All heavy atoms as atom14 arrays in JSON, in Angstrom:
{
  "sequence": "LNHEVFSDVKELQVLRCRGCGVAAVNRSLFEQLAELQVLDLGDNKLAH",
  "atom14_mask": [
    [1, 1, 1, 1, 1, 1, 1, 1, 0, 0, 0, 0, 0, 0],
    [1, 1, 1, 1, 1, 1, 1, 1, 0, 0, 0, 0, 0, 0],
    [1, 1, 1, 1, 1, 1, 1, 1, 1, 1, 0, 0, 0, 0],
    [1, 1, 1, 1, 1, 1, 1, 1, 1, 0, 0, 0, 0, 0],
    [1, 1, 1, 1, 1, 1, 1, 0, 0, 0, 0, 0, 0, 0],
    [1, 1, 1, 1, 1, 1, 1, 1, 1, 1, 1, 0, 0, 0],
    [1, 1, 1, 1, 1, 1, 0, 0, 0, 0, 0, 0, 0, 0],
    [1, 1, 1, 1, 1, 1, 1, 1, 0, 0, 0, 0, 0, 0],
    [1, 1, 1, 1, 1, 1, 1, 0, 0, 0, 0, 0, 0, 0],
    [1, 1, 1, 1, 1, 1, 1, 1, 1, 0, 0, 0, 0, 0],
    [1, 1, 1, 1, 1, 1, 1, 1, 1, 0, 0, 0, 0, 0],
    [1, 1, 1, 1, 1, 1, 1, 1, 0, 0, 0, 0, 0, 0],
    [1, 1, 1, 1, 1, 1, 1, 1, 1, 0, 0, 0, 0, 0],
    [1, 1, 1, 1, 1, 1, 1, 0, 0, 0, 0, 0, 0, 0],
    [1, 1, 1, 1, 1, 1, 1, 1, 0, 0, 0, 0, 0, 0],
    [1, 1, 1, 1, 1, 1, 1, 1, 1, 1, 1, 0, 0, 0],
    [1, 1, 1, 1, 1, 1, 0, 0, 0, 0, 0, 0, 0, 0],
    [1, 1, 1, 1, 1, 1, 1, 1, 1, 1, 1, 0, 0, 0],
    [1, 1, 1, 1, 0, 0, 0, 0, 0, 0, 0, 0, 0, 0],
    [1, 1, 1, 1, 1, 1, 0, 0, 0, 0, 0, 0, 0, 0],
    [1, 1, 1, 1, 0, 0, 0, 0, 0, 0, 0, 0, 0, 0],
    [1, 1, 1, 1, 1, 1, 1, 0, 0, 0, 0, 0, 0, 0],
    [1, 1, 1, 1, 1, 0, 0, 0, 0, 0, 0, 0, 0, 0],
    [1, 1, 1, 1, 1, 0, 0, 0, 0, 0, 0, 0, 0, 0],
    [1, 1, 1, 1, 1, 1, 1, 0, 0, 0, 0, 0, 0, 0],
    [1, 1, 1, 1, 1, 1, 1, 1, 0, 0, 0, 0, 0, 0],
    [1, 1, 1, 1, 1, 1, 1, 1, 1, 1, 1, 0, 0, 0],
    [1, 1, 1, 1, 1, 1, 0, 0, 0, 0, 0, 0, 0, 0],
    [1, 1, 1, 1, 1, 1, 1, 1, 0, 0, 0, 0, 0, 0],
    [1, 1, 1, 1, 1, 1, 1, 1, 1, 1, 1, 0, 0, 0],
    [1, 1, 1, 1, 1, 1, 1, 1, 1, 0, 0, 0, 0, 0],
    [1, 1, 1, 1, 1, 1, 1, 1, 1, 0, 0, 0, 0, 0],
    [1, 1, 1, 1, 1, 1, 1, 1, 0, 0, 0, 0, 0, 0],
    [1, 1, 1, 1, 1, 0, 0, 0, 0, 0, 0, 0, 0, 0],
    [1, 1, 1, 1, 1, 1, 1, 1, 1, 0, 0, 0, 0, 0],
    [1, 1, 1, 1, 1, 1, 1, 1, 0, 0, 0, 0, 0, 0],
    [1, 1, 1, 1, 1, 1, 1, 1, 1, 0, 0, 0, 0, 0],
    [1, 1, 1, 1, 1, 1, 1, 0, 0, 0, 0, 0, 0, 0],
    [1, 1, 1, 1, 1, 1, 1, 1, 0, 0, 0, 0, 0, 0],
    [1, 1, 1, 1, 1, 1, 1, 1, 0, 0, 0, 0, 0, 0],
    [1, 1, 1, 1, 1, 1, 1, 1, 0, 0, 0, 0, 0, 0],
    [1, 1, 1, 1, 0, 0, 0, 0, 0, 0, 0, 0, 0, 0],
    [1, 1, 1, 1, 1, 1, 1, 1, 0, 0, 0, 0, 0, 0],
    [1, 1, 1, 1, 1, 1, 1, 1, 0, 0, 0, 0, 0, 0],
    [1, 1, 1, 1, 1, 1, 1, 1, 1, 0, 0, 0, 0, 0],
    [1, 1, 1, 1, 1, 1, 1, 1, 0, 0, 0, 0, 0, 0],
    [1, 1, 1, 1, 1, 0, 0, 0, 0, 0, 0, 0, 0, 0],
    [1, 1, 1, 1, 1, 1, 1, 1, 1, 1, 0, 0, 0, 0]
  ],
  "atom14_positions": [
    [[104.87, 130.58, 63.66], [103.6, 130.3, 64.36], [103.13, 131.6, 65.0], [103.61, 132.0, 66.07], [103.8, 129.2, 65.4], [104.18, 127.83, 64.85], [104.44, 126.84, 66.0], [103.13, 127.27, 63.9], [0.0, 0.0, 0.0], [0.0, 0.0, 0.0], [0.0, 0.0, 0.0], [0.0, 0.0, 0.0], [0.0, 0.0, 0.0], [0.0, 0.0, 0.0]],
    [[102.23, 132.26, 64.35], [101.72, 133.55, 64.82], [100.77, 133.32, 66.02], [99.83, 132.55, 65.94], [100.94, 134.25, 63.69], [100.56, 135.67, 64.04], [100.58, 136.06, 65.2], [100.22, 136.44, 63.04], [0.0, 0.0, 0.0], [0.0, 0.0, 0.0], [0.0, 0.0, 0.0], [0.0, 0.0, 0.0], [0.0, 0.0, 0.0], [0.0, 0.0, 0.0]],
    [[101.08, 133.97, 67.13], [100.31, 133.73, 68.33], [98.84, 134.16, 68.17], [97.96, 133.63, 68.84], [100.94, 134.46, 69.52], [100.86, 135.97, 69.42], [101.73, 136.72, 68.67], [99.99, 136.86, 70.0], [101.43, 137.99, 68.78], [100.37, 138.11, 69.57], [0.0, 0.0, 0.0], [0.0, 0.0, 0.0], [0.0, 0.0, 0.0], [0.0, 0.0, 0.0]],
    [[98.55, 135.12, 67.27], [97.17, 135.57, 67.09], [96.3, 134.47, 66.48], [95.08, 134.46, 66.7], [97.15, 136.8, 66.17], [97.86, 138.02, 66.79], [97.82, 139.22, 65.86], [97.23, 139.08, 64.74], [98.34, 140.27, 66.24], [0.0, 0.0, 0.0], [0.0, 0.0, 0.0], [0.0, 0.0, 0.0], [0.0, 0.0, 0.0], [0.0, 0.0, 0.0]],
    [[96.91, 133.55, 65.75], [96.13, 132.45, 65.16], [95.51, 131.56, 66.21], [94.41, 131.0, 66.02], [97.04, 131.63, 64.21], [96.32, 130.39, 63.7], [97.52, 132.5, 63.06], [0.0, 0.0, 0.0], [0.0, 0.0, 0.0], [0.0, 0.0, 0.0], [0.0, 0.0, 0.0], [0.0, 0.0, 0.0], [0.0, 0.0, 0.0], [0.0, 0.0, 0.0]],
    [[96.17, 131.47, 67.36], [95.74, 130.54, 68.42], [94.92, 131.21, 69.51], [94.72, 130.62, 70.56], [96.97, 129.85, 69.01], [97.79, 129.09, 68.0], [98.83, 129.71, 67.33], [97.51, 127.77, 67.71], [99.58, 129.01, 66.4], [98.24, 127.09, 66.77], [99.28, 127.69, 66.12], [0.0, 0.0, 0.0], [0.0, 0.0, 0.0], [0.0, 0.0, 0.0]],
    [[94.45, 132.4, 69.26], [93.69, 133.1, 70.29], [92.33, 132.46, 70.54], [91.72, 132.7, 71.59], [93.5, 134.57, 69.87], [92.8, 134.64, 68.63], [0.0, 0.0, 0.0], [0.0, 0.0, 0.0], [0.0, 0.0, 0.0], [0.0, 0.0, 0.0], [0.0, 0.0, 0.0], [0.0, 0.0, 0.0], [0.0, 0.0, 0.0], [0.0, 0.0, 0.0]],
    [[91.84, 131.66, 69.59], [90.53, 131.02, 69.77], [90.62, 129.62, 70.34], [89.58, 128.96, 70.58], [89.81, 130.92, 68.41], [89.41, 132.28, 67.87], [88.72, 133.03, 68.61], [89.79, 132.6, 66.72], [0.0, 0.0, 0.0], [0.0, 0.0, 0.0], [0.0, 0.0, 0.0], [0.0, 0.0, 0.0], [0.0, 0.0, 0.0], [0.0, 0.0, 0.0]],
    [[91.82, 129.12, 70.57], [91.98, 127.73, 71.09], [92.85, 127.76, 72.35], [93.81, 127.01, 72.47], [92.56, 126.81, 69.99], [91.56, 126.53, 68.92], [93.84, 127.41, 69.42], [0.0, 0.0, 0.0], [0.0, 0.0, 0.0], [0.0, 0.0, 0.0], [0.0, 0.0, 0.0], [0.0, 0.0, 0.0], [0.0, 0.0, 0.0], [0.0, 0.0, 0.0]],
    [[92.48, 128.56, 73.27], [93.27, 128.7, 74.49], [93.22, 127.49, 75.4], [94.01, 127.38, 76.34], [92.81, 129.95, 75.26], [93.08, 131.25, 74.51], [92.71, 132.46, 75.33], [93.04, 133.74, 74.57], [92.7, 134.96, 75.35], [0.0, 0.0, 0.0], [0.0, 0.0, 0.0], [0.0, 0.0, 0.0], [0.0, 0.0, 0.0], [0.0, 0.0, 0.0]],
    [[92.27, 126.57, 75.16], [92.19, 125.36, 75.95], [93.01, 124.21, 75.34], [92.94, 123.08, 75.8], [90.73, 124.91, 76.07], [89.81, 125.93, 76.72], [90.22, 126.19, 78.16], [90.57, 125.21, 78.86], [90.14, 127.35, 78.6], [0.0, 0.0, 0.0], [0.0, 0.0, 0.0], [0.0, 0.0, 0.0], [0.0, 0.0, 0.0], [0.0, 0.0, 0.0]],
    [[93.78, 124.52, 74.3], [94.57, 123.51, 73.61], [95.54, 122.82, 74.56], [96.24, 123.49, 75.34], [95.31, 124.14, 72.45], [95.79, 123.21, 71.33], [94.61, 122.58, 70.62], [96.66, 123.97, 70.34], [0.0, 0.0, 0.0], [0.0, 0.0, 0.0], [0.0, 0.0, 0.0], [0.0, 0.0, 0.0], [0.0, 0.0, 0.0], [0.0, 0.0, 0.0]],
    [[95.56, 121.49, 74.53], [96.44, 120.71, 75.4], [97.57, 120.04, 74.64], [98.61, 119.75, 75.22], [95.62, 119.67, 76.15], [94.59, 120.26, 77.08], [93.77, 119.2, 77.77], [94.02, 117.98, 77.65], [92.77, 119.61, 78.54], [0.0, 0.0, 0.0], [0.0, 0.0, 0.0], [0.0, 0.0, 0.0], [0.0, 0.0, 0.0], [0.0, 0.0, 0.0]],
    [[97.37, 119.78, 73.34], [98.4, 119.12, 72.52], [98.59, 119.92, 71.26], [97.64, 120.15, 70.49], [97.99, 117.68, 72.18], [99.05, 117.01, 71.28], [97.75, 116.86, 73.43], [0.0, 0.0, 0.0], [0.0, 0.0, 0.0], [0.0, 0.0, 0.0], [0.0, 0.0, 0.0], [0.0, 0.0, 0.0], [0.0, 0.0, 0.0], [0.0, 0.0, 0.0]],
    [[99.82, 120.36, 71.0], [100.18, 121.06, 69.77], [101.37, 120.38, 69.15], [102.43, 120.27, 69.78], [100.48, 122.55, 70.04], [101.01, 123.34, 68.84], [99.97, 123.36, 67.71], [101.41, 124.75, 69.25], [0.0, 0.0, 0.0], [0.0, 0.0, 0.0], [0.0, 0.0, 0.0], [0.0, 0.0, 0.0], [0.0, 0.0, 0.0], [0.0, 0.0, 0.0]],
    [[101.17, 119.95, 67.9], [102.27, 119.32, 67.16], [102.52, 120.11, 65.88], [101.61, 120.3, 65.08], [101.91, 117.86, 66.82], [101.83, 116.95, 68.04], [101.56, 115.5, 67.62], [101.62, 114.6, 68.75], [100.59, 114.27, 69.52], [99.4, 114.79, 69.27], [100.73, 113.43, 70.54], [0.0, 0.0, 0.0], [0.0, 0.0, 0.0], [0.0, 0.0, 0.0]],
    [[103.76, 120.52, 65.73], [104.18, 121.18, 64.49], [105.57, 120.66, 64.12], [106.53, 121.4, 63.96], [104.21, 122.7, 64.65], [104.24, 123.56, 63.06], [0.0, 0.0, 0.0], [0.0, 0.0, 0.0], [0.0, 0.0, 0.0], [0.0, 0.0, 0.0], [0.0, 0.0, 0.0], [0.0, 0.0, 0.0], [0.0, 0.0, 0.0], [0.0, 0.0, 0.0]],
    [[105.65, 119.36, 64.03], [106.9, 118.69, 63.7], [107.2, 118.85, 62.22], [106.33, 118.66, 61.35], [106.8, 117.21, 64.05], [107.96, 116.34, 63.63], [107.83, 114.94, 64.18], [108.0, 114.9, 65.63], [109.18, 114.7, 66.23], [110.26, 114.5, 65.47], [109.25, 114.69, 67.52], [0.0, 0.0, 0.0], [0.0, 0.0, 0.0], [0.0, 0.0, 0.0]],
    [[108.46, 119.18, 61.89], [108.87, 119.3, 60.5], [108.22, 120.45, 59.77], [107.97, 120.37, 58.56], [0.0, 0.0, 0.0], [0.0, 0.0, 0.0], [0.0, 0.0, 0.0], [0.0, 0.0, 0.0], [0.0, 0.0, 0.0], [0.0, 0.0, 0.0], [0.0, 0.0, 0.0], [0.0, 0.0, 0.0], [0.0, 0.0, 0.0], [0.0, 0.0, 0.0]],
    [[107.95, 121.55, 60.45], [107.3, 122.71, 59.83], [108.32, 123.77, 59.36], [107.92, 124.75, 58.75], [106.31, 123.35, 60.77], [104.88, 122.31, 61.17], [0.0, 0.0, 0.0], [0.0, 0.0, 0.0], [0.0, 0.0, 0.0], [0.0, 0.0, 0.0], [0.0, 0.0, 0.0], [0.0, 0.0, 0.0], [0.0, 0.0, 0.0], [0.0, 0.0, 0.0]],
    [[109.6, 123.6, 59.73], [110.61, 124.61, 59.38], [110.65, 125.77, 60.35], [111.15, 126.84, 60.0], [0.0, 0.0, 0.0], [0.0, 0.0, 0.0], [0.0, 0.0, 0.0], [0.0, 0.0, 0.0], [0.0, 0.0, 0.0], [0.0, 0.0, 0.0], [0.0, 0.0, 0.0], [0.0, 0.0, 0.0], [0.0, 0.0, 0.0], [0.0, 0.0, 0.0]],
    [[110.15, 125.57, 61.56], [110.13, 126.64, 62.55], [111.56, 126.97, 63.03], [112.27, 126.06, 63.47], [109.26, 126.26, 63.75], [109.28, 127.35, 64.83], [107.82, 126.0, 63.29], [0.0, 0.0, 0.0], [0.0, 0.0, 0.0], [0.0, 0.0, 0.0], [0.0, 0.0, 0.0], [0.0, 0.0, 0.0], [0.0, 0.0, 0.0], [0.0, 0.0, 0.0]],
    [[111.97, 128.21, 62.92], [113.3, 128.64, 63.33], [113.31, 129.34, 64.67], [114.35, 129.43, 65.32], [113.92, 129.54, 62.26], [0.0, 0.0, 0.0], [0.0, 0.0, 0.0], [0.0, 0.0, 0.0], [0.0, 0.0, 0.0], [0.0, 0.0, 0.0], [0.0, 0.0, 0.0], [0.0, 0.0, 0.0], [0.0, 0.0, 0.0], [0.0, 0.0, 0.0]],
    [[112.16, 129.83, 65.1], [112.1, 130.53, 66.39], [110.63, 130.52, 66.87], [109.71, 130.42, 66.06], [112.6, 131.97, 66.27], [0.0, 0.0, 0.0], [0.0, 0.0, 0.0], [0.0, 0.0, 0.0], [0.0, 0.0, 0.0], [0.0, 0.0, 0.0], [0.0, 0.0, 0.0], [0.0, 0.0, 0.0], [0.0, 0.0, 0.0], [0.0, 0.0, 0.0]],
    [[110.46, 130.63, 68.18], [109.12, 130.72, 68.76], [109.06, 131.95, 69.66], [110.06, 132.35, 70.26], [108.77, 129.47, 69.58], [108.58, 128.26, 68.66], [109.85, 129.18, 70.63], [0.0, 0.0, 0.0], [0.0, 0.0, 0.0], [0.0, 0.0, 0.0], [0.0, 0.0, 0.0], [0.0, 0.0, 0.0], [0.0, 0.0, 0.0], [0.0, 0.0, 0.0]],
    [[107.89, 132.52, 69.7], [107.68, 133.72, 70.47], [107.03, 133.35, 71.8], [106.11, 132.52, 71.85], [106.77, 134.67, 69.7], [106.74, 136.07, 70.28], [106.83, 136.23, 71.49], [106.62, 137.05, 69.43], [0.0, 0.0, 0.0], [0.0, 0.0, 0.0], [0.0, 0.0, 0.0], [0.0, 0.0, 0.0], [0.0, 0.0, 0.0], [0.0, 0.0, 0.0]],
    [[107.49, 133.97, 72.86], [106.89, 133.69, 74.17], [105.41, 133.99, 74.18], [104.65, 133.35, 74.91], [107.62, 134.5, 75.24], [107.02, 134.33, 76.62], [107.78, 135.06, 77.69], [107.07, 135.05, 78.95], [107.53, 135.54, 80.09], [108.75, 136.09, 80.11], [106.83, 135.5, 81.2], [0.0, 0.0, 0.0], [0.0, 0.0, 0.0], [0.0, 0.0, 0.0]],
    [[104.96, 134.92, 73.35], [103.55, 135.26, 73.31], [102.71, 134.07, 72.87], [101.55, 133.94, 73.27], [103.32, 136.45, 72.35], [104.05, 137.57, 72.79], [0.0, 0.0, 0.0], [0.0, 0.0, 0.0], [0.0, 0.0, 0.0], [0.0, 0.0, 0.0], [0.0, 0.0, 0.0], [0.0, 0.0, 0.0], [0.0, 0.0, 0.0], [0.0, 0.0, 0.0]],
    [[103.29, 133.2, 72.02], [102.57, 132.01, 71.61], [102.28, 131.12, 72.8], [101.14, 130.63, 72.97], [103.4, 131.24, 70.56], [102.9, 129.87, 70.18], [101.55, 129.96, 69.47], [103.91, 129.14, 69.32], [0.0, 0.0, 0.0], [0.0, 0.0, 0.0], [0.0, 0.0, 0.0], [0.0, 0.0, 0.0], [0.0, 0.0, 0.0], [0.0, 0.0, 0.0]],
    [[103.3, 130.91, 73.65], [103.1, 130.05, 74.8], [102.21, 130.7, 75.86], [101.55, 130.02, 76.63], [104.46, 129.68, 75.41], [105.32, 128.89, 74.46], [106.69, 128.98, 74.51], [104.76, 128.04, 73.52], [107.49, 128.25, 73.65], [105.55, 127.29, 72.66], [106.92, 127.4, 72.72], [0.0, 0.0, 0.0], [0.0, 0.0, 0.0], [0.0, 0.0, 0.0]],
    [[102.17, 132.02, 75.89], [101.25, 132.69, 76.8], [99.81, 132.46, 76.38], [98.91, 132.35, 77.22], [101.57, 134.18, 76.85], [102.9, 134.47, 77.58], [103.25, 135.94, 77.53], [102.61, 136.68, 76.74], [104.16, 136.36, 78.28], [0.0, 0.0, 0.0], [0.0, 0.0, 0.0], [0.0, 0.0, 0.0], [0.0, 0.0, 0.0], [0.0, 0.0, 0.0]],
    [[99.57, 132.39, 75.07], [98.23, 132.07, 74.59], [97.85, 130.63, 74.91], [96.67, 130.33, 75.11], [98.16, 132.25, 73.06], [98.27, 133.7, 72.59], [96.92, 134.4, 72.62], [95.98, 133.94, 73.27], [96.86, 135.54, 71.95], [0.0, 0.0, 0.0], [0.0, 0.0, 0.0], [0.0, 0.0, 0.0], [0.0, 0.0, 0.0], [0.0, 0.0, 0.0]],
    [[98.84, 129.72, 74.96], [98.59, 128.28, 75.12], [99.12, 127.78, 76.46], [99.83, 126.8, 76.55], [99.24, 127.52, 73.96], [98.85, 127.97, 72.57], [99.65, 127.21, 71.52], [97.35, 127.77, 72.34], [0.0, 0.0, 0.0], [0.0, 0.0, 0.0], [0.0, 0.0, 0.0], [0.0, 0.0, 0.0], [0.0, 0.0, 0.0], [0.0, 0.0, 0.0]],
    [[98.74, 128.47, 77.52], [99.28, 128.13, 78.85], [98.81, 126.78, 79.34], [99.39, 126.24, 80.29], [98.89, 129.23, 79.85], [0.0, 0.0, 0.0], [0.0, 0.0, 0.0], [0.0, 0.0, 0.0], [0.0, 0.0, 0.0], [0.0, 0.0, 0.0], [0.0, 0.0, 0.0], [0.0, 0.0, 0.0], [0.0, 0.0, 0.0], [0.0, 0.0, 0.0]],
    [[97.77, 126.2, 78.72], [97.26, 124.89, 79.16], [97.92, 123.72, 78.44], [97.54, 122.56, 78.67], [95.74, 124.84, 78.93], [94.95, 125.89, 79.66], [95.09, 125.75, 81.17], [95.12, 124.59, 81.66], [95.19, 126.8, 81.85], [0.0, 0.0, 0.0], [0.0, 0.0, 0.0], [0.0, 0.0, 0.0], [0.0, 0.0, 0.0], [0.0, 0.0, 0.0]],
    [[98.9, 124.0, 77.61], [99.55, 122.92, 76.84], [100.17, 121.87, 77.76], [100.85, 122.2, 78.72], [100.64, 123.49, 75.94], [100.27, 123.96, 74.54], [101.49, 124.41, 73.79], [99.52, 122.88, 73.78], [0.0, 0.0, 0.0], [0.0, 0.0, 0.0], [0.0, 0.0, 0.0], [0.0, 0.0, 0.0], [0.0, 0.0, 0.0], [0.0, 0.0, 0.0]],
    [[99.93, 120.61, 77.42], [100.54, 119.5, 78.13], [101.55, 118.77, 77.25], [102.48, 118.17, 77.75], [99.47, 118.53, 78.6], [98.52, 119.13, 79.62], [97.52, 118.12, 80.13], [97.67, 116.92, 79.97], [96.46, 118.6, 80.78], [0.0, 0.0, 0.0], [0.0, 0.0, 0.0], [0.0, 0.0, 0.0], [0.0, 0.0, 0.0], [0.0, 0.0, 0.0]],
    [[101.36, 118.83, 75.92], [102.28, 118.21, 74.97], [102.65, 119.22, 73.91], [101.77, 119.78, 73.25], [101.64, 116.96, 74.31], [102.61, 116.34, 73.3], [101.25, 115.92, 75.36], [0.0, 0.0, 0.0], [0.0, 0.0, 0.0], [0.0, 0.0, 0.0], [0.0, 0.0, 0.0], [0.0, 0.0, 0.0], [0.0, 0.0, 0.0], [0.0, 0.0, 0.0]],
    [[103.95, 119.45, 73.76], [104.46, 120.37, 72.72], [105.49, 119.63, 71.9], [106.53, 119.22, 72.41], [105.08, 121.62, 73.36], [105.74, 122.61, 72.38], [104.71, 123.14, 71.38], [106.38, 123.76, 73.14], [0.0, 0.0, 0.0], [0.0, 0.0, 0.0], [0.0, 0.0, 0.0], [0.0, 0.0, 0.0], [0.0, 0.0, 0.0], [0.0, 0.0, 0.0]],
    [[105.2, 119.43, 70.62], [106.09, 118.72, 69.71], [106.58, 119.68, 68.65], [105.83, 120.06, 67.72], [105.36, 117.54, 69.09], [106.28, 116.65, 68.25], [107.45, 117.03, 68.05], [105.84, 115.58, 67.8], [0.0, 0.0, 0.0], [0.0, 0.0, 0.0], [0.0, 0.0, 0.0], [0.0, 0.0, 0.0], [0.0, 0.0, 0.0], [0.0, 0.0, 0.0]],
    [[107.85, 120.1, 68.77], [108.5, 120.95, 67.78], [109.74, 120.23, 67.21], [110.73, 120.88, 66.85], [108.9, 122.27, 68.42], [107.75, 123.18, 68.88], [108.29, 124.4, 69.6], [106.86, 123.59, 67.71], [0.0, 0.0, 0.0], [0.0, 0.0, 0.0], [0.0, 0.0, 0.0], [0.0, 0.0, 0.0], [0.0, 0.0, 0.0], [0.0, 0.0, 0.0]],
    [[109.67, 118.94, 67.09], [110.79, 118.18, 66.57], [111.0, 118.4, 65.09], [110.1, 118.83, 64.34], [0.0, 0.0, 0.0], [0.0, 0.0, 0.0], [0.0, 0.0, 0.0], [0.0, 0.0, 0.0], [0.0, 0.0, 0.0], [0.0, 0.0, 0.0], [0.0, 0.0, 0.0], [0.0, 0.0, 0.0], [0.0, 0.0, 0.0], [0.0, 0.0, 0.0]],
    [[112.23, 118.11, 64.63], [112.6, 118.22, 63.21], [112.34, 119.61, 62.65], [111.79, 119.76, 61.54], [111.86, 117.16, 62.39], [112.33, 115.75, 62.7], [113.52, 115.59, 62.99], [111.52, 114.83, 62.64], [0.0, 0.0, 0.0], [0.0, 0.0, 0.0], [0.0, 0.0, 0.0], [0.0, 0.0, 0.0], [0.0, 0.0, 0.0], [0.0, 0.0, 0.0]],
    [[112.7, 120.62, 63.4], [112.62, 121.99, 62.94], [114.02, 122.62, 62.89], [115.01, 121.9, 62.79], [111.67, 122.8, 63.85], [110.21, 122.52, 63.5], [109.72, 122.87, 62.43], [109.5, 121.86, 64.42], [0.0, 0.0, 0.0], [0.0, 0.0, 0.0], [0.0, 0.0, 0.0], [0.0, 0.0, 0.0], [0.0, 0.0, 0.0], [0.0, 0.0, 0.0]],
    [[114.1, 123.96, 62.99], [115.39, 124.65, 62.86], [115.72, 125.49, 64.08], [116.43, 126.48, 63.99], [115.37, 125.53, 61.62], [115.13, 124.77, 60.31], [115.08, 125.7, 59.11], [114.83, 124.94, 57.83], [114.75, 125.85, 56.64], [0.0, 0.0, 0.0], [0.0, 0.0, 0.0], [0.0, 0.0, 0.0], [0.0, 0.0, 0.0], [0.0, 0.0, 0.0]],
    [[115.2, 125.09, 65.22], [115.43, 125.85, 66.45], [116.89, 125.76, 66.88], [117.43, 124.67, 67.05], [114.53, 125.33, 67.56], [113.02, 125.52, 67.36], [112.26, 124.79, 68.45], [112.66, 126.99, 67.33], [0.0, 0.0, 0.0], [0.0, 0.0, 0.0], [0.0, 0.0, 0.0], [0.0, 0.0, 0.0], [0.0, 0.0, 0.0], [0.0, 0.0, 0.0]],
    [[117.53, 126.9, 67.03], [118.91, 126.93, 67.49], [119.02, 127.41, 68.92], [120.09, 127.32, 69.54], [119.74, 127.84, 66.58], [0.0, 0.0, 0.0], [0.0, 0.0, 0.0], [0.0, 0.0, 0.0], [0.0, 0.0, 0.0], [0.0, 0.0, 0.0], [0.0, 0.0, 0.0], [0.0, 0.0, 0.0], [0.0, 0.0, 0.0], [0.0, 0.0, 0.0]],
    [[117.94, 127.93, 69.47], [117.98, 128.46, 70.83], [116.59, 128.39, 71.44], [115.6, 128.67, 70.78], [118.47, 129.92, 70.82], [118.55, 130.53, 72.18], [117.49, 131.23, 72.74], [119.54, 130.53, 73.11], [117.83, 131.64, 73.95], [119.06, 131.25, 74.18], [0.0, 0.0, 0.0], [0.0, 0.0, 0.0], [0.0, 0.0, 0.0], [0.0, 0.0, 0.0]]
  ]
}
């Protein structure tokens, strides 16, 4: 999930990427989406 993709939707409150194969997330992504109220990263490959 490239944080630059979400630079135009900074008011996003709900982001779901369940079952996308995500293995890691970058803090920069969450800095772009500081207004998030619901984050669904279930069924991925996050180990940390």
